[in-house]
Amino acid sequence: MTRAGNVRAPSDAALIRLAHIPAHVEELMALDYQAEKATVGLRTLRNDRRRKVEAILLLLADPDVRDYLAELDRQGLLPVKG
């Protein structure tokens, strides 16, 4: 139980996958910085960015993560989409 109410703790697998997301986002944001600094081909940067976004989407699509996020959403603990 947490301050938010009766939210169950995420499974270890979901927690590990959720913990990977900030690392991928940080790398994704670093690609913007790399685009300003390095003379790397634009296609390479686009492919790197696509791979990072795909990795994030795969983590979010994990069944454990989806179940946990759905529970948080049902309890109104996630930001409103849109």
Protein backbone atom coordinates (compact mmCIF):
# COMPACT_ATOMS: atom_id res chain seq x y z
CA MET A 1 0.00 0.00 0.00
CA THR A 2 1.23 3.48 -0.85
CA ARG A 3 0.10 7.05 -0.24
CA ALA A 4 -1.92 6.75 -3.45
CA GLY A 5 -4.14 4.04 -1.98
CA ASN A 6 -4.35 0.36 -2.76
CA VAL A 7 -1.92 0.28 -5.64
CA ARG A 8 -0.12 -3.02 -5.76
CA ALA A 9 3.61 -3.01 -6.22
CA PRO A 10 4.69 -3.86 -9.77
CA SER A 11 6.19 -7.25 -10.46
CA ASP A 12 9.97 -7.41 -10.59
CA ALA A 13 9.82 -7.91 -14.36
CA ALA A 14 7.57 -4.86 -14.85
CA LEU A 15 9.73 -2.75 -12.57
CA ILE A 16 12.90 -3.69 -14.44
CA ARG A 17 11.30 -2.87 -17.79
CA LEU A 18 9.98 0.44 -16.48
CA ALA A 19 13.46 1.27 -15.20
CA HIS A 20 14.91 0.79 -18.71
CA ILE A 21 12.66 3.47 -20.21
CA PRO A 22 14.50 6.52 -18.76
CA ALA A 23 17.81 5.13 -20.02
CA HIS A 24 16.42 4.80 -23.54
CA VAL A 25 14.88 8.29 -23.37
CA GLU A 26 18.19 9.73 -22.22
CA GLU A 27 19.95 8.08 -25.17
CA LEU A 28 17.23 9.29 -27.50
CA MET A 29 17.69 12.85 -26.29
CA ALA A 30 21.46 12.52 -26.66
CA LEU A 31 20.89 11.87 -30.35
CA ASP A 32 19.56 15.43 -30.67
CA TYR A 33 22.76 16.73 -29.13
CA GLN A 34 24.81 14.50 -31.40
CA ALA A 35 23.01 15.92 -34.43
CA GLU A 36 24.17 19.41 -33.47
CA LYS A 37 27.76 18.43 -32.70
CA ALA A 38 28.86 15.61 -34.97
CA THR A 39 29.05 15.21 -38.68
CA VAL A 40 27.13 11.95 -38.67
CA GLY A 41 24.84 11.16 -41.54
CA LEU A 42 21.22 12.15 -41.06
CA ARG A 43 20.10 8.65 -42.04
CA THR A 44 22.24 7.15 -39.26
CA LEU A 45 20.70 9.49 -36.69
CA ARG A 46 17.19 8.70 -37.90
CA ASN A 47 17.86 4.96 -37.69
CA ASP A 48 19.34 5.30 -34.19
CA ARG A 49 16.34 7.36 -33.10
CA ARG A 50 13.92 4.83 -34.60
CA ARG A 51 15.64 1.98 -32.77
CA LYS A 52 15.44 3.83 -29.44
CA VAL A 53 11.74 4.61 -29.92
CA GLU A 54 11.08 0.98 -30.87
CA ALA A 55 12.88 -0.18 -27.72
CA ILE A 56 10.69 2.11 -25.58
CA LEU A 57 7.52 0.91 -27.31
CA LEU A 58 8.52 -2.72 -26.76
CA LEU A 59 9.07 -2.07 -23.07
CA LEU A 60 5.67 -0.38 -22.81
CA ALA A 61 4.02 -3.27 -24.67
CA ASP A 62 5.25 -5.85 -22.17
CA PRO A 63 2.23 -7.59 -20.59
CA ASP A 64 3.45 -7.00 -17.00
CA VAL A 65 4.02 -3.31 -17.69
CA ARG A 66 0.66 -2.95 -19.47
CA ASP A 67 -1.19 -4.62 -16.59
CA TYR A 68 0.48 -2.38 -14.04
CA LEU A 69 -0.13 0.79 -16.06
CA ALA A 70 -3.76 -0.24 -16.63
CA GLU A 71 -4.20 -0.62 -12.88
CA LEU A 72 -2.72 2.83 -12.29
CA ASP A 73 -4.99 4.24 -14.99
CA ARG A 74 -8.10 2.64 -13.43
CA GLN A 75 -7.23 4.35 -10.17
CA GLY A 76 -6.73 7.69 -11.91
CA LEU A 77 -3.04 7.91 -11.09
CA LEU A 78 -1.80 8.48 -14.63
CA PRO A 79 -1.94 11.79 -16.52
CA VAL A 80 -4.97 12.26 -18.75
CA LYS A 81 -4.13 11.51 -22.39
CA GLY A 82 -4.82 14.00 -25.10
